[in-house]
Amino acid sequence: MKNVTKILAVIAMFISVGLTNVNAQNTVMVGGEAMYPKKDIVDNAVNSKDHTTLVAAVKAAGLVETLKTAGPFTVFAPVNDAFENLPAGTVETLLKPENKDMLTKILTYHVISGSYDFDAIAEMIKSGKGKAEIKTVSGGTLTAMMNGKHNIQLKDEKGNIASITTYDVYQSNGVIHVIDKIVMPK
């Protein structure tokens, strides 16, 4: 009986180590912080030093509760530098309460319903013979296209192009892809 107990303890240890490794493989670093797959989009994003402007905008637009729901959502999350590259005063203007509708439209243009990782988007592009038109939560359209074997770019309705720089940051309610530019609806 003692040997059975020891064997079960060893098996439990291996299972525990295996599960820890699986969770570590699914945890992606963004903005110097771990993004945990068991947390929701908002609870992870608030920890990323690269997404402080995005988080402030999501709060100003009143989208926190929406992005904490079950979703699932795919979020194309622009880094702080993307906001800084907008014309001077743009972010400050968008964060004003009287511009909440415009801010909400821009932010929801960065979100699609459903959970689409790299493989799913790449398959959509392949099926679309090199391009995939993706409907956003705002009602607009993003065009996804490949730029090499493992690089997806997004073209917005104004013709601007953003590259996905970090893929497949899995969340409890979807997936985040980090992008280098703001995408804008018409």
C-alpha atoms as a PDB file:
ATOM      1  CA  MET A   1       0.000   0.000   0.000  1.00  0.00           C
ATOM      2  CA  LYS A   2       2.903   2.333   0.788  1.00  0.00           C
ATOM      3  CA  ASN A   3       4.318   1.830  -2.712  1.00  0.00           C
ATOM      4  CA  VAL A   4       0.941   2.631  -4.285  1.00  0.00           C
ATOM      5  CA  THR A   5       0.812   5.882  -2.284  1.00  0.00           C
ATOM      6  CA  LYS A   6       4.349   6.787  -3.429  1.00  0.00           C
ATOM      7  CA  ILE A   7       3.511   5.993  -7.045  1.00  0.00           C
ATOM      8  CA  LEU A   8       0.358   8.118  -6.862  1.00  0.00           C
ATOM      9  CA  ALA A   9       2.368  10.980  -5.336  1.00  0.00           C
ATOM     10  CA  VAL A  10       4.914  10.790  -8.162  1.00  0.00           C
ATOM     11  CA  ILE A  11       2.139  10.701 -10.776  1.00  0.00           C
ATOM     12  CA  ALA A  12       0.470  13.700  -9.139  1.00  0.00           C
ATOM     13  CA  MET A  13       3.799  15.568  -9.191  1.00  0.00           C
ATOM     14  CA  PHE A  14       4.270  14.859 -12.913  1.00  0.00           C
ATOM     15  CA  ILE A  15       0.713  15.942 -13.667  1.00  0.00           C
ATOM     16  CA  SER A  16       1.230  19.138 -11.655  1.00  0.00           C
ATOM     17  CA  VAL A  17       4.511  19.917 -13.451  1.00  0.00           C
ATOM     18  CA  GLY A  18       2.891  19.121 -16.794  1.00  0.00           C
ATOM     19  CA  LEU A  19      -0.044  21.448 -16.125  1.00  0.00           C
ATOM     20  CA  THR A  20       2.323  24.206 -14.996  1.00  0.00           C
ATOM     21  CA  ASN A  21       4.282  23.855 -18.219  1.00  0.00           C
ATOM     22  CA  VAL A  22       1.092  23.928 -20.305  1.00  0.00           C
ATOM     23  CA  ASN A  23      -0.034  27.133 -18.577  1.00  0.00           C
ATOM     24  CA  ALA A  24       3.426  28.673 -18.967  1.00  0.00           C
ATOM     25  CA  GLN A  25       3.364  27.912 -22.701  1.00  0.00           C
ATOM     26  CA  ASN A  26       0.018  29.715 -23.064  1.00  0.00           C
ATOM     27  CA  THR A  27       1.167  32.748 -21.067  1.00  0.00           C
ATOM     28  CA  VAL A  28       2.515  35.465 -23.357  1.00  0.00           C
ATOM     29  CA  MET A  29       4.514  38.501 -22.246  1.00  0.00           C
ATOM     30  CA  VAL A  30       3.082  41.831 -23.415  1.00  0.00           C
ATOM     31  CA  GLY A  31       4.349  45.186 -22.221  1.00  0.00           C
ATOM     32  CA  GLY A  32       6.717  43.440 -19.838  1.00  0.00           C
ATOM     33  CA  GLU A  33       3.912  41.607 -18.067  1.00  0.00           C
ATOM     34  CA  ALA A  34       2.507  38.089 -18.304  1.00  0.00           C
ATOM     35  CA  MET A  35      -0.915  37.824 -19.940  1.00  0.00           C
ATOM     36  CA  TYR A  36      -2.743  34.960 -18.278  1.00  0.00           C
ATOM     37  CA  PRO A  37      -5.214  32.921 -20.338  1.00  0.00           C
ATOM     38  CA  LYS A  38      -7.550  32.573 -17.336  1.00  0.00           C
ATOM     39  CA  LYS A  39      -7.988  36.359 -17.053  1.00  0.00           C
ATOM     40  CA  ASP A  40     -10.279  38.397 -19.273  1.00  0.00           C
ATOM     41  CA  ILE A  41      -9.174  40.966 -21.860  1.00  0.00           C
ATOM     42  CA  VAL A  42      -9.438  43.946 -19.508  1.00  0.00           C
ATOM     43  CA  ASP A  43      -7.800  42.270 -16.505  1.00  0.00           C
ATOM     44  CA  ASN A  44      -4.772  41.424 -18.641  1.00  0.00           C
ATOM     45  CA  ALA A  45      -4.574  44.673 -20.626  1.00  0.00           C
ATOM     46  CA  VAL A  46      -4.429  46.865 -17.509  1.00  0.00           C
ATOM     47  CA  ASN A  47      -1.090  45.228 -16.635  1.00  0.00           C
ATOM     48  CA  SER A  48       0.612  45.911 -19.977  1.00  0.00           C
ATOM     49  CA  LYS A  49       2.917  48.938 -19.869  1.00  0.00           C
ATOM     50  CA  ASP A  50       2.576  49.081 -23.684  1.00  0.00           C
ATOM     51  CA  HIS A  51      -1.209  49.563 -23.559  1.00  0.00           C
ATOM     52  CA  THR A  52      -1.819  52.294 -20.974  1.00  0.00           C
ATOM     53  CA  THR A  53      -3.297  54.664 -23.563  1.00  0.00           C
ATOM     54  CA  LEU A  54      -5.592  51.949 -24.919  1.00  0.00           C
ATOM     55  CA  VAL A  55      -6.779  51.109 -21.401  1.00  0.00           C
ATOM     56  CA  ALA A  56      -7.468  54.803 -20.682  1.00  0.00           C
ATOM     57  CA  ALA A  57      -9.427  55.050 -23.939  1.00  0.00           C
ATOM     58  CA  VAL A  58     -11.444  51.898 -23.172  1.00  0.00           C
ATOM     59  CA  LYS A  59     -12.326  53.364 -19.760  1.00  0.00           C
ATOM     60  CA  ALA A  60     -13.250  56.763 -21.266  1.00  0.00           C
ATOM     61  CA  ALA A  61     -15.491  55.061 -23.838  1.00  0.00           C
ATOM     62  CA  GLY A  62     -17.241  53.008 -21.165  1.00  0.00           C
ATOM     63  CA  LEU A  63     -16.248  49.698 -22.773  1.00  0.00           C
ATOM     64  CA  VAL A  64     -14.700  48.023 -19.720  1.00  0.00           C
ATOM     65  CA  GLU A  65     -17.819  46.046 -18.767  1.00  0.00           C
ATOM     66  CA  THR A  66     -18.403  44.945 -22.377  1.00  0.00           C
ATOM     67  CA  LEU A  67     -14.842  43.626 -22.719  1.00  0.00           C
ATOM     68  CA  LYS A  68     -15.190  41.765 -19.419  1.00  0.00           C
ATOM     69  CA  THR A  69     -18.213  39.757 -20.651  1.00  0.00           C
ATOM     70  CA  ALA A  70     -17.935  36.204 -21.931  1.00  0.00           C
ATOM     71  CA  GLY A  71     -17.514  37.382 -25.528  1.00  0.00           C
ATOM     72  CA  PRO A  72     -15.631  35.908 -27.176  1.00  0.00           C
ATOM     73  CA  PHE A  73     -13.804  38.822 -28.766  1.00  0.00           C
ATOM     74  CA  THR A  74     -10.714  39.260 -30.870  1.00  0.00           C
ATOM     75  CA  VAL A  75      -9.030  42.553 -30.056  1.00  0.00           C
ATOM     76  CA  PHE A  76      -6.393  44.195 -32.222  1.00  0.00           C
ATOM     77  CA  ALA A  77      -4.672  46.162 -29.457  1.00  0.00           C
ATOM     78  CA  PRO A  78      -2.560  49.155 -30.548  1.00  0.00           C
ATOM     79  CA  VAL A  79       0.502  49.950 -28.445  1.00  0.00           C
ATOM     80  CA  ASN A  80       1.069  53.359 -26.826  1.00  0.00           C
ATOM     81  CA  ASP A  81       3.439  54.326 -29.645  1.00  0.00           C
ATOM     82  CA  ALA A  82       0.599  53.896 -32.151  1.00  0.00           C
ATOM     83  CA  PHE A  83      -1.432  56.513 -30.278  1.00  0.00           C
ATOM     84  CA  GLU A  84       1.595  58.794 -30.004  1.00  0.00           C
ATOM     85  CA  ASN A  85       1.993  58.714 -33.788  1.00  0.00           C
ATOM     86  CA  LEU A  86      -1.472  60.192 -34.326  1.00  0.00           C
ATOM     87  CA  PRO A  87      -1.546  63.933 -35.113  1.00  0.00           C
ATOM     88  CA  ALA A  88      -0.862  66.118 -32.057  1.00  0.00           C
ATOM     89  CA  GLY A  89      -3.899  66.542 -29.828  1.00  0.00           C
ATOM     90  CA  THR A  90      -5.880  63.652 -31.323  1.00  0.00           C
ATOM     91  CA  VAL A  91      -5.816  61.410 -28.230  1.00  0.00           C
ATOM     92  CA  GLU A  92      -6.624  64.280 -25.880  1.00  0.00           C
ATOM     93  CA  THR A  93      -9.553  65.309 -28.096  1.00  0.00           C
ATOM     94  CA  LEU A  94     -10.905  61.757 -28.310  1.00  0.00           C
ATOM     95  CA  LEU A  95     -10.753  61.305 -24.534  1.00  0.00           C
ATOM     96  CA  LYS A  96     -13.068  64.278 -23.931  1.00  0.00           C
ATOM     97  CA  PRO A  97     -16.571  63.257 -22.778  1.00  0.00           C
ATOM     98  CA  GLU A  98     -18.232  65.048 -25.712  1.00  0.00           C
ATOM     99  CA  ASN A  99     -16.303  62.780 -28.139  1.00  0.00           C
ATOM    100  CA  LYS A 100     -17.279  59.482 -26.485  1.00  0.00           C
ATOM    101  CA  ASP A 101     -19.273  58.268 -29.525  1.00  0.00           C
ATOM    102  CA  MET A 102     -16.347  58.863 -31.895  1.00  0.00           C
ATOM    103  CA  LEU A 103     -13.912  57.188 -29.469  1.00  0.00           C
ATOM    104  CA  THR A 104     -16.253  54.214 -29.085  1.00  0.00           C
ATOM    105  CA  LYS A 105     -16.512  53.829 -32.877  1.00  0.00           C
ATOM    106  CA  ILE A 106     -12.715  53.838 -33.246  1.00  0.00           C
ATOM    107  CA  LEU A 107     -12.159  51.380 -30.391  1.00  0.00           C
ATOM    108  CA  THR A 108     -14.883  48.958 -31.507  1.00  0.00           C
ATOM    109  CA  TYR A 109     -13.317  49.068 -34.982  1.00  0.00           C
ATOM    110  CA  HIS A 110     -10.395  47.239 -33.323  1.00  0.00           C
ATOM    111  CA  VAL A 111     -12.674  44.409 -32.120  1.00  0.00           C
ATOM    112  CA  ILE A 112     -14.302  41.494 -33.924  1.00  0.00           C
ATOM    113  CA  SER A 113     -16.846  39.071 -32.501  1.00  0.00           C
ATOM    114  CA  GLY A 114     -15.452  35.605 -31.979  1.00  0.00           C
ATOM    115  CA  SER A 115     -12.044  34.264 -31.067  1.00  0.00           C
ATOM    116  CA  TYR A 116      -9.670  34.272 -34.055  1.00  0.00           C
ATOM    117  CA  ASP A 117      -6.067  33.280 -33.520  1.00  0.00           C
ATOM    118  CA  PHE A 118      -3.288  33.493 -36.112  1.00  0.00           C
ATOM    119  CA  ASP A 119      -4.245  30.179 -37.730  1.00  0.00           C
ATOM    120  CA  ALA A 120      -7.920  31.161 -38.073  1.00  0.00           C
ATOM    121  CA  ILE A 121      -7.116  34.548 -39.641  1.00  0.00           C
ATOM    122  CA  ALA A 122      -4.495  33.009 -41.932  1.00  0.00           C
ATOM    123  CA  GLU A 123      -7.069  30.432 -43.078  1.00  0.00           C
ATOM    124  CA  MET A 124      -9.579  33.204 -43.801  1.00  0.00           C
ATOM    125  CA  ILE A 125      -6.932  34.968 -45.897  1.00  0.00           C
ATOM    126  CA  LYS A 126      -6.107  31.749 -47.739  1.00  0.00           C
ATOM    127  CA  SER A 127      -9.801  31.079 -48.419  1.00  0.00           C
ATOM    128  CA  GLY A 128     -10.164  34.657 -49.683  1.00  0.00           C
ATOM    129  CA  LYS A 129      -7.286  34.138 -52.151  1.00  0.00           C
ATOM    130  CA  GLY A 130      -4.926  36.495 -50.328  1.00  0.00           C
ATOM    131  CA  LYS A 131      -7.351  38.795 -48.510  1.00  0.00           C
ATOM    132  CA  ALA A 132     -10.032  38.464 -45.875  1.00  0.00           C
ATOM    133  CA  GLU A 133     -12.640  41.096 -45.204  1.00  0.00           C
ATOM    134  CA  ILE A 134     -13.458  41.078 -41.509  1.00  0.00           C
ATOM    135  CA  LYS A 135     -16.499  42.800 -40.015  1.00  0.00           C
ATOM    136  CA  THR A 136     -15.726  44.711 -36.849  1.00  0.00           C
ATOM    137  CA  VAL A 137     -17.999  45.284 -33.866  1.00  0.00           C
ATOM    138  CA  SER A 138     -18.366  48.922 -35.012  1.00  0.00           C
ATOM    139  CA  GLY A 139     -19.868  47.692 -38.299  1.00  0.00           C
ATOM    140  CA  GLY A 140     -16.806  48.598 -40.344  1.00  0.00           C
ATOM    141  CA  THR A 141     -14.499  46.331 -42.311  1.00  0.00           C
ATOM    142  CA  LEU A 142     -10.838  45.475 -41.883  1.00  0.00           C
ATOM    143  CA  THR A 143      -8.950  43.709 -44.648  1.00  0.00           C
ATOM    144  CA  ALA A 144      -6.440  41.112 -43.445  1.00  0.00           C
ATOM    145  CA  MET A 145      -3.596  39.988 -45.695  1.00  0.00           C
ATOM    146  CA  MET A 146      -0.374  38.067 -45.380  1.00  0.00           C
ATOM    147  CA  ASN A 147       2.992  39.786 -45.627  1.00  0.00           C
ATOM    148  CA  GLY A 148       5.272  36.770 -45.559  1.00  0.00           C
ATOM    149  CA  LYS A 149       4.660  33.340 -44.040  1.00  0.00           C
ATOM    150  CA  HIS A 150       3.977  34.497 -40.510  1.00  0.00           C
ATOM    151  CA  ASN A 151       3.034  38.155 -40.723  1.00  0.00           C
ATOM    152  CA  ILE A 152      -0.526  39.379 -40.962  1.00  0.00           C
ATOM    153  CA  GLN A 153      -1.314  42.975 -41.774  1.00  0.00           C
ATOM    154  CA  LEU A 154      -4.607  44.821 -41.403  1.00  0.00           C
ATOM    155  CA  LYS A 155      -5.761  47.461 -43.863  1.00  0.00           C
ATOM    156  CA  ASP A 156      -8.344  49.899 -42.553  1.00  0.00           C
ATOM    157  CA  GLU A 157     -11.095  51.674 -44.487  1.00  0.00           C
ATOM    158  CA  LYS A 158      -8.822  54.693 -45.010  1.00  0.00           C
ATOM    159  CA  GLY A 159      -6.086  52.577 -46.606  1.00  0.00           C
ATOM    160  CA  ASN A 160      -3.695  52.620 -43.631  1.00  0.00           C
ATOM    161  CA  ILE A 161      -1.853  49.407 -42.778  1.00  0.00           C
ATOM    162  CA  ALA A 162      -1.068  48.010 -39.332  1.00  0.00           C
ATOM    163  CA  SER A 163       1.077  44.955 -38.658  1.00  0.00           C
ATOM    164  CA  ILE A 164       0.331  42.430 -35.972  1.00  0.00           C
ATOM    165  CA  THR A 165       3.467  42.329 -33.824  1.00  0.00           C
ATOM    166  CA  THR A 166       2.363  39.813 -31.174  1.00  0.00           C
ATOM    167  CA  TYR A 167      -0.102  37.039 -31.975  1.00  0.00           C
ATOM    168  CA  ASP A 168      -2.359  34.770 -29.999  1.00  0.00           C
ATOM    169  CA  VAL A 169      -2.500  36.332 -26.549  1.00  0.00           C
ATOM    170  CA  TYR A 170      -5.279  34.052 -25.341  1.00  0.00           C
ATOM    171  CA  GLN A 171      -7.778  35.355 -22.780  1.00  0.00           C
ATOM    172  CA  SER A 172     -10.667  33.768 -20.931  1.00  0.00           C
ATOM    173  CA  ASN A 173     -13.037  35.675 -23.251  1.00  0.00           C
ATOM    174  CA  GLY A 174     -11.129  35.752 -26.529  1.00  0.00           C
ATOM    175  CA  VAL A 175      -7.745  36.602 -27.958  1.00  0.00           C
ATOM    176  CA  ILE A 176      -5.625  39.729 -28.314  1.00  0.00           C
ATOM    177  CA  HIS A 177      -3.258  40.524 -31.168  1.00  0.00           C
ATOM    178  CA  VAL A 178      -0.929  43.486 -30.569  1.00  0.00           C
ATOM    179  CA  ILE A 179      -0.728  45.922 -33.508  1.00  0.00           C
ATOM    180  CA  ASP A 180       1.725  48.715 -34.278  1.00  0.00           C
ATOM    181  CA  LYS A 181      -0.724  51.328 -35.604  1.00  0.00           C
ATOM    182  CA  ILE A 182      -4.246  52.570 -35.001  1.00  0.00           C
ATOM    183  CA  VAL A 183      -6.755  51.353 -37.588  1.00  0.00           C
ATOM    184  CA  MET A 184      -9.444  53.889 -38.473  1.00  0.00           C
ATOM    185  CA  PRO A 185     -12.988  53.491 -39.773  1.00  0.00           C
ATOM    186  CA  LYS A 186     -14.395  55.783 -42.477  1.00  0.00           C
END
